[in-house]
Amino acid sequence: MGYINKLIRYSLLFVSGIIFVVSLSPALQRKIAAKGLIPDQYRFGDLYNTSNLLKFKEVDFAKSTSLTETDKPKVRYSDVDLYTIGDSFTPMDTSYYAGDKNFHIWMGVNVDTVKLDTTKKSILVVEIIERTIQERLLNDYEALYIKRGFQIKGDTYPKAVAGRDGGSSFWWDKFGDQINQRIEFLLFNFNPFLKLKELKSDIMLTWFDRTHTGAIISRNHEYLFYSVEADKKSPLSPFHEITPASVDSVVHHINLIRTHYKNRGFEEVYFCLIPNKVTVCENNRFQYNQQISLIENSPLLQTPMISVQATIRKHPEWFHKSDGHWNVAGKRYWLQKTNELVKVWSEE
């Protein structure tokens, strides 16, 4: 009997150890999920993942977010190289861009060191989602978009050090505030557990008109949003009051980023500010602060902008119902605008 108890204890310790190790590494967790050994926690969208509301469960999420071979440009422009810096709205493969060579940095995920081809026009496009403008383009602009942006070979400009200047440390990545969430997803993201979570979420919404922390439902119950962008108390919300001084500071930093890259050989630098999902789908939730328009129309702005808000705000269907990001239609619009820019530079 004692032998059996020991075996059970050691087996539990072994299984717990495996769960802990996998939870330490998001990359390893994604690889195991890709092999089908554990469910992908985001397979139905990140807002469904947060809220577990059955109404917003996109069972065809992978299909509705994926570009295809037909989306790749029919013409590539041999005299233009395209460089892009973006967030989770622009993770597509660089083969979808129309430059001769295309390079991309996913902000906060990777950094790239490049050597500009002086025989070509090197164009940089920086994409930023609305909710992160005040966060990324005030105190952290240099750490994020210069020190962790494109590094030019042979450049002596000081680069970011891991764990400083807005970077994350090894230990915080491993033992930070997301590890409990990853363990929970690892253990309770199988379909039977999701059914129970959906039941609980439906009761919360039906009886108390509440959603889980992190997600907010629109007043007509047709859309889900991140709390950080829909709650007017959040400093990252488009309903949070912003000051003229903060707008001027953002514009000033945009100009400084442009100057930095132009001084290092880029022909031109463009910024593109993408409106939040709540800005598009429920703009009248509270008084809108007009941040994107204030930046794009600032008399201090020297940086050319790819203005997309007027078009995107007419298309709430370009956003996932179960996720805070745009779907494949939004991605195609982004590619259209960016590749049109490459064509213009090739024709000059």
Protein backbone atom coordinates (compact mmCIF):
# COMPACT_ATOMS: atom_id res chain seq x y z
CA MET A 1 0.00 0.00 0.00
CA GLY A 2 2.87 2.35 0.90
CA TYR A 3 4.50 1.62 -2.46
CA ILE A 4 1.29 2.57 -4.30
CA ASN A 5 0.98 5.82 -2.34
CA LYS A 6 4.59 6.67 -3.20
CA LEU A 7 3.96 5.91 -6.84
CA ILE A 8 0.88 8.15 -6.87
CA ARG A 9 2.75 10.98 -5.16
CA TYR A 10 5.72 10.76 -7.53
CA SER A 11 3.39 10.57 -10.52
CA LEU A 12 1.56 13.69 -9.35
CA LEU A 13 4.86 15.48 -8.78
CA PHE A 14 6.05 14.46 -12.26
CA VAL A 15 2.85 15.68 -13.95
CA SER A 16 2.88 18.91 -11.91
CA GLY A 17 6.49 19.48 -12.92
CA ILE A 18 5.65 19.09 -16.60
CA ILE A 19 2.70 21.51 -16.27
CA PHE A 20 4.91 24.03 -14.47
CA VAL A 21 7.72 23.83 -17.06
CA VAL A 22 5.28 24.22 -19.97
CA SER A 23 3.63 27.16 -18.21
CA LEU A 24 7.00 28.91 -17.91
CA SER A 25 7.36 29.10 -21.66
CA PRO A 26 4.62 30.63 -23.85
CA ALA A 27 6.61 29.52 -26.92
CA LEU A 28 6.72 25.90 -25.74
CA GLN A 29 3.02 26.04 -24.89
CA ARG A 30 2.25 27.26 -28.43
CA LYS A 31 4.37 24.46 -29.97
CA ILE A 32 2.58 21.79 -27.95
CA ALA A 33 -0.79 23.31 -28.86
CA ALA A 34 0.22 23.32 -32.55
CA LYS A 35 0.76 19.55 -32.31
CA GLY A 36 -2.75 19.14 -30.89
CA LEU A 37 -1.61 17.83 -27.51
CA ILE A 38 -3.30 20.69 -25.65
CA PRO A 39 -5.97 23.13 -26.87
CA ASP A 40 -4.91 26.49 -28.26
CA GLN A 41 -6.19 28.94 -25.67
CA TYR A 42 -6.91 31.59 -28.34
CA ARG A 43 -8.56 29.31 -30.90
CA PHE A 44 -11.91 31.10 -30.52
CA GLY A 45 -10.52 34.64 -30.05
CA ASP A 46 -8.96 36.48 -27.14
CA LEU A 47 -12.17 38.18 -25.95
CA TYR A 48 -14.07 34.89 -25.95
CA ASN A 49 -11.08 33.48 -24.07
CA THR A 50 -11.56 36.22 -21.46
CA SER A 51 -15.36 36.26 -21.27
CA ASN A 52 -16.37 32.70 -22.24
CA LEU A 53 -19.64 34.04 -23.63
CA LEU A 54 -21.05 31.46 -26.04
CA LYS A 55 -22.66 34.14 -28.23
CA PHE A 56 -19.18 35.43 -29.13
CA LYS A 57 -17.54 32.07 -29.79
CA GLU A 58 -16.05 32.17 -33.30
CA VAL A 59 -15.63 28.53 -34.24
CA ASP A 60 -14.18 29.56 -37.63
CA PHE A 61 -11.75 32.04 -36.06
CA ALA A 62 -8.63 30.66 -37.77
CA LYS A 63 -10.28 30.88 -41.19
CA SER A 64 -11.66 34.38 -40.67
CA THR A 65 -8.27 35.74 -39.61
CA SER A 66 -6.00 34.04 -42.15
CA LEU A 67 -4.66 35.59 -45.33
CA THR A 68 -4.27 33.33 -48.36
CA GLU A 69 -1.89 33.08 -51.30
CA THR A 70 -4.27 35.20 -53.37
CA ASP A 71 -3.63 38.11 -50.99
CA LYS A 72 0.02 38.29 -51.98
CA PRO A 73 0.89 41.16 -54.34
CA LYS A 74 0.88 40.45 -58.04
CA VAL A 75 3.60 43.06 -58.59
CA ARG A 76 6.72 43.63 -56.51
CA TYR A 77 8.66 46.86 -56.85
CA SER A 78 12.36 46.19 -57.21
CA ASP A 79 13.47 49.72 -56.33
CA VAL A 80 11.70 49.92 -52.94
CA ASP A 81 12.42 48.06 -49.69
CA LEU A 82 9.63 48.21 -47.10
CA TYR A 83 10.22 48.19 -43.34
CA THR A 84 7.31 47.96 -40.90
CA ILE A 85 7.03 48.23 -37.12
CA GLY A 86 3.68 47.19 -35.70
CA ASP A 87 1.77 45.44 -32.94
CA SER A 88 -0.58 42.47 -32.90
CA PHE A 89 -2.63 44.01 -35.72
CA THR A 90 0.19 43.50 -38.26
CA PRO A 91 1.77 40.08 -37.63
CA MET A 92 1.36 38.91 -41.23
CA ASP A 93 4.23 37.34 -43.14
CA THR A 94 6.35 39.90 -45.01
CA SER A 95 5.66 38.10 -48.31
CA TYR A 96 2.32 39.93 -48.38
CA TYR A 97 4.06 43.27 -48.89
CA ALA A 98 4.99 44.61 -52.32
CA GLY A 99 8.53 45.80 -51.62
CA ASP A 100 11.51 44.05 -53.20
CA LYS A 101 12.61 43.11 -49.67
CA ASN A 102 10.32 43.47 -46.69
CA PHE A 103 11.26 43.56 -43.02
CA HIS A 104 8.97 43.60 -39.99
CA ILE A 105 9.36 44.15 -36.25
CA TRP A 106 6.54 43.06 -33.95
CA MET A 107 6.87 45.64 -31.21
CA GLY A 108 7.92 44.03 -27.95
CA VAL A 109 8.49 40.62 -29.58
CA ASN A 110 11.52 40.98 -31.82
CA VAL A 111 14.26 43.43 -32.88
CA ASP A 112 16.05 43.41 -36.24
CA THR A 113 19.45 44.64 -37.35
CA VAL A 114 19.53 45.59 -41.02
CA LYS A 115 21.80 47.12 -43.62
CA LEU A 116 19.98 49.55 -45.89
CA ASP A 117 20.43 49.07 -49.62
CA THR A 118 21.55 52.47 -50.90
CA THR A 119 20.47 51.57 -54.45
CA LYS A 120 16.84 51.40 -53.31
CA LYS A 121 14.34 53.59 -51.50
CA SER A 122 13.94 52.33 -47.93
CA ILE A 123 10.50 53.21 -46.55
CA LEU A 124 9.44 52.68 -42.92
CA VAL A 125 5.81 52.40 -41.81
CA VAL A 126 4.98 52.41 -38.08
CA GLU A 127 1.53 51.05 -37.10
CA ILE A 128 0.06 51.76 -33.66
CA ILE A 129 -3.35 50.81 -32.28
CA GLU A 130 -5.24 53.73 -30.72
CA ARG A 131 -5.32 52.38 -27.18
CA THR A 132 -1.51 52.30 -26.91
CA ILE A 133 -0.76 55.79 -28.25
CA GLN A 134 -0.54 57.48 -24.85
CA GLU A 135 1.30 54.48 -23.43
CA ARG A 136 3.92 54.05 -26.14
CA LEU A 137 4.46 57.52 -27.56
CA LEU A 138 5.02 59.48 -24.36
CA ASN A 139 7.73 58.32 -21.93
CA ASP A 140 8.54 55.04 -23.71
CA TYR A 141 8.83 56.22 -27.31
CA GLU A 142 12.65 56.05 -27.49
CA ALA A 143 12.96 52.69 -25.76
CA LEU A 144 10.29 51.10 -27.94
CA TYR A 145 10.64 52.64 -31.40
CA ILE A 146 14.31 53.59 -31.52
CA LYS A 147 16.34 51.38 -29.19
CA ARG A 148 14.06 48.41 -29.92
CA GLY A 149 13.28 49.40 -33.47
CA PHE A 150 15.40 48.71 -36.55
CA GLN A 151 19.09 48.74 -35.71
CA ILE A 152 21.37 49.80 -38.55
CA LYS A 153 24.58 47.81 -38.98
CA GLY A 154 27.53 49.91 -37.90
CA ASP A 155 25.33 52.44 -36.09
CA THR A 156 26.66 53.65 -32.74
CA TYR A 157 23.26 54.72 -31.37
CA PRO A 158 22.82 53.14 -27.88
CA LYS A 159 20.61 50.07 -27.95
CA ALA A 160 18.23 48.81 -25.27
CA VAL A 161 19.48 46.48 -22.55
CA ALA A 162 17.32 43.49 -21.63
CA GLY A 163 15.16 44.28 -18.64
CA ARG A 164 15.54 48.05 -19.03
CA ASP A 165 14.19 50.84 -21.20
CA GLY A 166 10.77 49.22 -21.51
CA GLY A 167 12.16 45.71 -22.07
CA SER A 168 11.11 42.73 -20.00
CA SER A 169 13.47 40.69 -17.86
CA PHE A 170 14.03 36.94 -18.10
CA TRP A 171 12.69 36.30 -14.60
CA TRP A 172 9.65 38.52 -15.02
CA ASP A 173 8.81 36.73 -18.28
CA LYS A 174 8.99 33.39 -16.47
CA PHE A 175 7.44 34.22 -13.11
CA GLY A 176 5.44 37.37 -13.85
CA ASP A 177 1.76 38.02 -13.48
CA GLN A 178 0.73 35.84 -16.44
CA ILE A 179 1.99 32.49 -15.21
CA ASN A 180 -1.18 31.75 -13.21
CA GLN A 181 -3.24 32.55 -16.29
CA ARG A 182 -1.12 30.21 -18.42
CA ILE A 183 -1.48 27.39 -15.90
CA GLU A 184 -5.24 27.91 -15.82
CA PHE A 185 -5.45 27.79 -19.62
CA LEU A 186 -3.26 24.71 -19.71
CA LEU A 187 -5.50 22.81 -17.29
CA PHE A 188 -8.99 24.15 -17.95
CA ASN A 189 -9.14 25.03 -21.64
CA PHE A 190 -10.46 21.69 -22.84
CA ASN A 191 -14.00 21.68 -24.25
CA PRO A 192 -15.79 20.14 -21.21
CA PHE A 193 -14.36 22.88 -18.98
CA LEU A 194 -15.32 25.54 -21.55
CA LYS A 195 -18.95 24.37 -21.34
CA LEU A 196 -18.92 25.01 -17.60
CA LYS A 197 -17.25 28.40 -18.07
CA GLU A 198 -19.84 29.34 -20.69
CA LEU A 199 -22.66 28.43 -18.31
CA LYS A 200 -21.14 30.55 -15.54
CA SER A 201 -20.59 33.50 -17.92
CA ASP A 202 -24.16 33.31 -19.21
CA ILE A 203 -25.52 33.41 -15.65
CA MET A 204 -23.32 36.40 -14.80
CA LEU A 205 -24.49 38.31 -17.86
CA THR A 206 -28.18 37.31 -17.69
CA TRP A 207 -28.67 37.75 -13.97
CA PHE A 208 -26.21 40.52 -13.13
CA ASP A 209 -25.36 42.12 -16.52
CA ARG A 210 -21.71 41.50 -15.81
CA THR A 211 -18.81 40.04 -17.79
CA HIS A 212 -15.50 38.65 -16.60
CA THR A 213 -12.74 41.11 -15.76
CA GLY A 214 -10.92 42.16 -18.90
CA ALA A 215 -13.93 42.20 -21.23
CA ILE A 216 -16.82 44.65 -21.56
CA ILE A 217 -19.96 44.06 -23.60
CA SER A 218 -21.55 46.84 -25.65
CA ARG A 219 -24.84 48.34 -24.48
CA ASN A 220 -26.74 46.52 -27.23
CA HIS A 221 -24.92 43.27 -26.36
CA GLU A 222 -23.66 42.95 -29.94
CA TYR A 223 -19.92 43.54 -29.39
CA LEU A 224 -17.19 42.63 -26.94
CA PHE A 225 -14.33 44.99 -26.10
CA TYR A 226 -11.23 45.01 -23.96
CA SER A 227 -11.91 46.71 -20.63
CA VAL A 228 -8.77 48.78 -21.07
CA GLU A 229 -10.24 50.44 -24.17
CA ALA A 230 -13.95 50.61 -23.32
CA ASP A 231 -13.79 51.77 -19.69
CA LYS A 232 -13.56 55.57 -19.64
CA LYS A 233 -11.62 55.37 -16.37
CA SER A 234 -8.79 53.64 -18.20
CA PRO A 235 -6.08 56.10 -19.34
CA LEU A 236 -5.80 54.09 -22.57
CA SER A 237 -9.49 54.43 -23.43
CA PRO A 238 -10.63 56.73 -26.27
CA PHE A 239 -13.20 58.06 -23.77
CA HIS A 240 -10.57 59.15 -21.27
CA GLU A 241 -9.86 62.88 -21.30
CA ILE A 242 -6.51 63.82 -22.84
CA THR A 243 -4.77 67.17 -22.58
CA PRO A 244 -3.48 69.33 -25.44
CA ALA A 245 -0.02 69.02 -23.87
CA SER A 246 -0.09 65.21 -24.10
CA VAL A 247 -1.18 65.37 -27.75
CA ASP A 248 1.66 67.81 -28.49
CA SER A 249 4.12 65.49 -26.75
CA VAL A 250 2.94 62.51 -28.81
CA VAL A 251 3.29 64.53 -32.02
CA HIS A 252 6.75 65.72 -30.98
CA HIS A 253 7.89 62.15 -30.34
CA ILE A 254 6.47 60.95 -33.66
CA ASN A 255 8.56 63.64 -35.33
CA LEU A 256 11.66 62.60 -33.37
CA ILE A 257 11.22 58.96 -34.42
CA ARG A 258 10.95 60.06 -38.05
CA THR A 259 14.07 62.24 -37.75
CA HIS A 260 16.01 59.37 -36.17
CA TYR A 261 15.32 56.98 -39.03
CA LYS A 262 15.73 59.53 -41.79
CA ASN A 263 19.14 60.44 -40.37
CA ARG A 264 20.07 56.78 -40.66
CA GLY A 265 19.22 56.45 -44.33
CA PHE A 266 15.48 55.85 -44.61
CA GLU A 267 13.87 57.76 -47.45
CA GLU A 268 10.69 58.43 -45.47
CA VAL A 269 8.87 57.36 -42.31
CA TYR A 270 5.07 57.06 -42.09
CA PHE A 271 2.81 56.52 -39.10
CA CYS A 272 -0.57 54.78 -39.21
CA LEU A 273 -2.93 55.02 -36.22
CA ILE A 274 -5.55 52.25 -36.13
CA PRO A 275 -8.82 53.03 -34.26
CA ASN A 276 -9.83 50.74 -31.39
CA LYS A 277 -12.62 48.23 -31.87
CA VAL A 278 -14.81 50.22 -29.46
CA THR A 279 -14.12 53.39 -31.47
CA VAL A 280 -15.49 51.64 -34.54
CA CYS A 281 -18.34 49.62 -33.05
CA GLU A 282 -19.63 51.80 -30.19
CA ASN A 283 -18.17 55.26 -30.62
CA ASN A 284 -21.00 56.91 -28.68
CA ARG A 285 -20.47 54.81 -25.55
CA PHE A 286 -19.08 57.94 -23.86
CA GLN A 287 -17.68 61.22 -25.12
CA TYR A 288 -14.96 60.40 -27.61
CA ASN A 289 -11.62 62.18 -27.13
CA GLN A 290 -10.80 62.46 -30.88
CA GLN A 291 -7.17 61.58 -30.21
CA ILE A 292 -6.33 60.27 -33.67
CA SER A 293 -7.80 63.33 -35.40
CA LEU A 294 -6.01 65.68 -33.01
CA ILE A 295 -2.69 64.04 -33.82
CA GLU A 296 -3.22 63.78 -37.56
CA ASN A 297 -4.34 67.43 -37.81
CA SER A 298 -1.79 68.89 -35.40
CA PRO A 299 0.05 71.95 -36.80
CA LEU A 300 3.20 70.57 -35.14
CA LEU A 301 3.10 67.32 -37.11
CA GLN A 302 5.91 66.95 -39.64
CA THR A 303 5.52 63.23 -40.21
CA PRO A 304 3.36 61.92 -43.07
CA MET A 305 0.42 59.81 -41.88
CA ILE A 306 -1.43 56.94 -43.49
CA SER A 307 -4.89 57.98 -42.35
CA VAL A 308 -7.28 55.05 -42.17
CA GLN A 309 -9.79 55.92 -39.45
CA ALA A 310 -12.42 57.43 -41.76
CA THR A 311 -12.68 54.19 -43.72
CA ILE A 312 -12.27 51.70 -40.86
CA ARG A 313 -14.93 53.40 -38.72
CA LYS A 314 -17.47 52.60 -41.46
CA HIS A 315 -16.74 48.88 -41.18
CA PRO A 316 -17.41 47.31 -37.77
CA GLU A 317 -17.61 43.99 -39.62
CA TRP A 318 -13.84 44.19 -40.14
CA PHE A 319 -13.35 43.24 -36.48
CA HIS A 320 -13.75 39.78 -34.98
CA LYS A 321 -16.81 39.31 -32.82
CA SER A 322 -14.76 37.19 -30.38
CA ASP A 323 -11.53 39.16 -30.46
CA GLY A 324 -10.22 42.72 -30.12
CA HIS A 325 -8.36 42.59 -33.43
CA TRP A 326 -9.48 43.07 -36.98
CA ASN A 327 -10.25 40.02 -39.12
CA VAL A 328 -8.89 39.18 -42.56
CA ALA A 329 -10.89 42.04 -44.15
CA GLY A 330 -9.10 44.56 -41.93
CA LYS A 331 -5.74 42.97 -42.73
CA ARG A 332 -6.47 43.24 -46.44
CA TYR A 333 -7.26 46.93 -46.09
CA TRP A 334 -3.97 47.48 -44.25
CA LEU A 335 -2.05 45.64 -46.98
CA GLN A 336 -3.84 47.63 -49.67
CA LYS A 337 -2.88 50.97 -48.10
CA THR A 338 0.71 49.91 -47.43
CA ASN A 339 1.31 48.37 -50.84
CA GLU A 340 -0.20 51.42 -52.54
CA LEU A 341 2.45 53.47 -50.73
CA VAL A 342 5.21 51.20 -52.06
CA LYS A 343 3.85 51.65 -55.58
CA VAL A 344 3.83 55.44 -55.23
CA TRP A 345 7.46 55.48 -54.14
CA SER A 346 8.43 53.18 -57.02
CA GLU A 347 6.81 55.52 -59.52
CA GLU A 348 8.58 58.62 -58.19
